Amino acid sequence: MMTNIKLSKRLKQKSGFTILEVLISALMVGIITTAAFQFYVSIHTQSEKQYEQSEVQAVCRASIFDIKKTLRMAGFRVGGHAPYEISNDTLSIYMNTTGTMDTIRYYLEEFTDWEYGQLPGFPSGKQLFRLMKQTNSDPPAIFSEYISSMTYTVVDASNITISVTAYVTKVDETYSPDGGYRSFSIGDRINLRNVG
């Protein structure tokens, strides 16, 4: 019986935590949670930057691919008509695939002031455009956006080089040039099959 009383007293003395132990535990959980959250935010931010860079690369590649595919048809059954015309950043391609002369035109249309306003800190003096594509007299369609330049260079009678540069849509704080807006450029040489 005496043993049971001693055991009961020990259990009463040892049960529960002191307020200091609870506070230390809460502090440790808080530190671990904060560190985990900061790690998550860092990884998420890095992932968004990678996604933006991948998107701008895809925009450039898709633009080049579509123009390249169309340019390869330039001059198809057009007789004495010019297969294409280049005027600054506008490329007009002529072909006859439907029994009549088809014209496909690629040109740049500048962003509006409101659209520039949606890009805080975008460097002044830089311009952004949409790449527009128009087939015959159909309404033009936006092919890609955030293009800063598109150039066409005639190499010889049957070869043209195209280069395009585009910007990301979100600022990268770790990148100081151009207000943190990264850009990507790509170029390609196209052989015109029906010319030359």
Protein backbone atom coordinates (compact mmCIF):
# COMPACT_ATOMS: atom_id res chain seq x y z
CA MET A 1 0.00 0.00 0.00
CA MET A 2 2.84 2.32 0.84
CA THR A 3 4.39 1.65 -2.53
CA ASN A 4 1.18 2.65 -4.30
CA ILE A 5 1.08 5.99 -2.44
CA LYS A 6 4.70 6.79 -3.34
CA LEU A 7 4.08 5.85 -6.97
CA SER A 8 0.94 8.00 -7.04
CA LYS A 9 2.85 11.02 -5.68
CA ARG A 10 5.61 10.59 -8.29
CA LEU A 11 3.08 10.41 -11.10
CA LYS A 12 1.39 13.58 -9.90
CA GLN A 13 4.72 15.39 -9.73
CA LYS A 14 5.94 14.20 -13.17
CA SER A 15 2.72 14.61 -15.20
CA GLY A 16 2.46 17.54 -17.69
CA PHE A 17 4.91 20.09 -19.08
CA THR A 18 6.17 23.28 -17.58
CA ILE A 19 5.26 26.57 -19.27
CA LEU A 20 8.91 26.99 -20.24
CA GLU A 21 8.94 23.65 -22.06
CA VAL A 22 5.76 24.56 -23.94
CA LEU A 23 7.20 27.96 -24.97
CA ILE A 24 10.47 26.42 -26.16
CA SER A 25 8.56 23.82 -28.18
CA ALA A 26 6.37 26.51 -29.76
CA LEU A 27 9.45 28.58 -30.61
CA MET A 28 11.17 25.60 -32.27
CA VAL A 29 8.04 24.74 -34.28
CA GLY A 30 7.79 28.40 -35.36
CA ILE A 31 11.42 28.51 -36.49
CA ILE A 32 11.10 25.27 -38.46
CA THR A 33 7.81 26.40 -40.05
CA THR A 34 9.27 29.78 -41.04
CA ALA A 35 12.33 28.17 -42.58
CA ALA A 36 10.19 25.69 -44.51
CA PHE A 37 7.91 28.49 -45.78
CA GLN A 38 10.88 30.62 -46.89
CA PHE A 39 12.33 27.62 -48.70
CA TYR A 40 8.99 27.01 -50.43
CA VAL A 41 8.69 30.68 -51.48
CA SER A 42 12.26 30.64 -52.84
CA ILE A 43 11.66 27.47 -54.86
CA HIS A 44 8.29 28.76 -56.12
CA THR A 45 9.81 32.08 -57.23
CA GLN A 46 12.65 30.31 -59.01
CA SER A 47 10.16 28.01 -60.70
CA GLU A 48 8.13 31.00 -61.95
CA LYS A 49 11.27 32.62 -63.39
CA GLN A 50 12.16 29.38 -65.19
CA TYR A 51 8.62 29.13 -66.53
CA GLU A 52 8.75 32.71 -67.85
CA GLN A 53 12.06 32.03 -69.62
CA SER A 54 10.69 28.82 -71.12
CA GLU A 55 7.59 30.67 -72.33
CA VAL A 56 9.56 33.42 -74.07
CA GLN A 57 11.78 30.82 -75.73
CA ALA A 58 8.68 28.96 -76.92
CA VAL A 59 7.22 32.21 -78.31
CA CYS A 60 10.38 32.88 -80.30
CA ARG A 61 10.63 29.32 -81.60
CA ALA A 62 6.96 29.16 -82.57
CA SER A 63 7.21 32.48 -84.41
CA ILE A 64 10.27 31.37 -86.37
CA PHE A 65 8.73 27.95 -87.10
CA ASP A 66 5.51 29.36 -88.53
CA ILE A 67 7.25 31.96 -90.68
CA LYS A 68 9.75 29.34 -91.85
CA LYS A 69 6.96 26.91 -92.81
CA THR A 70 5.15 29.62 -94.80
CA LEU A 71 8.32 30.98 -96.42
CA ARG A 72 9.17 27.56 -97.80
CA MET A 73 6.01 27.85 -99.91
CA ALA A 74 6.88 31.36 -101.17
CA GLY A 75 6.71 31.57 -104.95
CA PHE A 76 4.69 28.36 -105.41
CA ARG A 77 2.90 28.68 -108.81
CA VAL A 78 2.97 32.48 -108.82
CA GLY A 79 4.40 32.90 -112.31
CA GLY A 80 6.21 36.21 -112.68
CA HIS A 81 4.98 37.61 -109.34
CA ALA A 82 7.57 38.22 -106.61
CA PRO A 83 7.62 35.32 -104.12
CA TYR A 84 7.88 37.67 -101.12
CA GLU A 85 8.37 41.29 -100.11
CA ILE A 86 10.19 42.65 -97.07
CA SER A 87 9.45 46.15 -95.81
CA ASN A 88 11.11 46.93 -92.46
CA ASP A 89 9.49 44.47 -90.01
CA THR A 90 6.76 43.34 -92.42
CA LEU A 91 7.07 40.18 -94.51
CA SER A 92 4.53 39.45 -97.26
CA ILE A 93 4.64 35.96 -98.79
CA TYR A 94 2.92 35.08 -102.06
CA MET A 95 1.88 31.60 -103.24
CA ASN A 96 -0.86 29.93 -105.21
CA THR A 97 -2.28 26.95 -103.33
CA THR A 98 -6.00 27.59 -103.85
CA GLY A 99 -6.12 28.50 -107.55
CA THR A 100 -5.78 32.21 -106.80
CA MET A 101 -2.88 34.26 -105.48
CA ASP A 102 -2.61 33.88 -101.69
CA THR A 103 -0.90 36.51 -99.57
CA ILE A 104 0.27 35.84 -96.04
CA ARG A 105 1.57 38.85 -94.19
CA TYR A 106 3.51 38.94 -90.92
CA TYR A 107 3.92 42.33 -89.27
CA LEU A 108 4.52 43.90 -85.86
CA GLU A 109 1.90 45.94 -84.02
CA GLU A 110 3.15 48.00 -81.07
CA PHE A 111 1.66 47.68 -77.60
CA THR A 112 -0.69 50.42 -76.43
CA ASP A 113 0.16 52.81 -73.57
CA TRP A 114 -2.23 50.85 -71.34
CA GLU A 115 -0.38 47.59 -72.11
CA TYR A 116 2.96 49.22 -71.30
CA GLY A 117 1.39 50.40 -68.04
CA GLN A 118 0.75 46.76 -67.08
CA LEU A 119 4.52 46.14 -67.07
CA PRO A 120 5.87 48.16 -64.12
CA GLY A 121 9.50 49.12 -64.50
CA PHE A 122 9.73 48.13 -68.15
CA PRO A 123 12.71 50.10 -69.51
CA SER A 124 11.79 53.34 -71.25
CA GLY A 125 12.94 53.52 -74.84
CA LYS A 126 12.29 49.81 -75.38
CA GLN A 127 9.33 48.80 -77.50
CA LEU A 128 7.11 45.73 -77.39
CA PHE A 129 5.05 44.36 -80.24
CA ARG A 130 2.60 41.65 -81.15
CA LEU A 131 3.47 39.53 -84.17
CA MET A 132 0.37 39.67 -86.36
CA LYS A 133 -0.46 37.19 -89.12
CA GLN A 134 -2.92 38.00 -91.89
CA THR A 135 -3.98 35.63 -94.66
CA ASN A 136 -5.41 37.31 -97.76
CA SER A 137 -8.17 39.71 -96.68
CA ASP A 138 -9.04 37.84 -93.47
CA PRO A 139 -8.82 39.83 -90.24
CA PRO A 140 -5.29 39.76 -88.79
CA ALA A 141 -4.71 37.46 -85.83
CA ILE A 142 -2.23 37.80 -82.99
CA PHE A 143 0.40 35.13 -83.48
CA SER A 144 2.67 35.98 -80.54
CA GLU A 145 3.32 38.79 -78.08
CA TYR A 146 6.11 40.55 -76.17
CA ILE A 147 8.28 40.69 -79.29
CA SER A 148 10.90 43.44 -79.18
CA SER A 149 12.34 42.94 -82.66
CA MET A 150 11.88 40.87 -85.80
CA THR A 151 14.36 41.13 -88.66
CA TYR A 152 14.46 39.55 -92.10
CA THR A 153 17.72 39.50 -94.05
CA VAL A 154 18.03 38.37 -97.65
CA VAL A 155 21.17 36.21 -97.93
CA ASP A 156 20.79 35.41 -101.63
CA ALA A 157 17.99 34.74 -104.12
CA SER A 158 16.76 31.62 -102.33
CA ASN A 159 17.85 32.12 -98.70
CA ILE A 160 16.57 34.43 -95.95
CA THR A 161 17.57 34.66 -92.31
CA ILE A 162 15.04 35.57 -89.65
CA SER A 163 15.78 36.66 -86.11
CA VAL A 164 13.36 37.42 -83.31
CA THR A 165 13.80 38.77 -79.79
CA ALA A 166 11.11 38.65 -77.10
CA TYR A 167 10.85 39.67 -73.45
CA VAL A 168 9.48 37.85 -70.40
CA THR A 169 6.33 39.27 -68.82
CA LYS A 170 7.50 39.38 -65.19
CA VAL A 171 10.43 41.07 -63.49
CA ASP A 172 13.36 38.97 -62.27
CA GLU A 173 14.83 40.82 -59.25
CA THR A 174 18.13 38.96 -59.61
CA TYR A 175 18.64 40.36 -63.12
CA SER A 176 19.62 44.03 -63.26
CA PRO A 177 19.74 44.90 -67.02
CA ASP A 178 16.53 46.11 -68.68
CA GLY A 179 14.78 46.70 -65.37
CA GLY A 180 14.82 42.97 -64.60
CA TYR A 181 13.02 41.94 -67.79
CA ARG A 182 14.95 39.11 -69.42
CA SER A 183 14.91 38.62 -73.17
CA PHE A 184 15.62 35.76 -75.52
CA SER A 185 16.74 35.86 -79.15
CA ILE A 186 16.76 33.20 -81.82
CA GLY A 187 17.50 33.14 -85.52
CA ASP A 188 17.29 30.73 -88.41
CA ARG A 189 18.10 30.50 -92.10
CA ILE A 190 15.33 29.49 -94.48
CA ASN A 191 15.80 28.03 -97.93
CA LEU A 192 13.01 29.02 -100.32
CA ARG A 193 12.25 25.88 -102.31
CA ASN A 194 10.32 27.59 -105.12
CA VAL A 195 12.80 30.44 -105.71
CA GLY A 196 16.13 30.53 -107.42
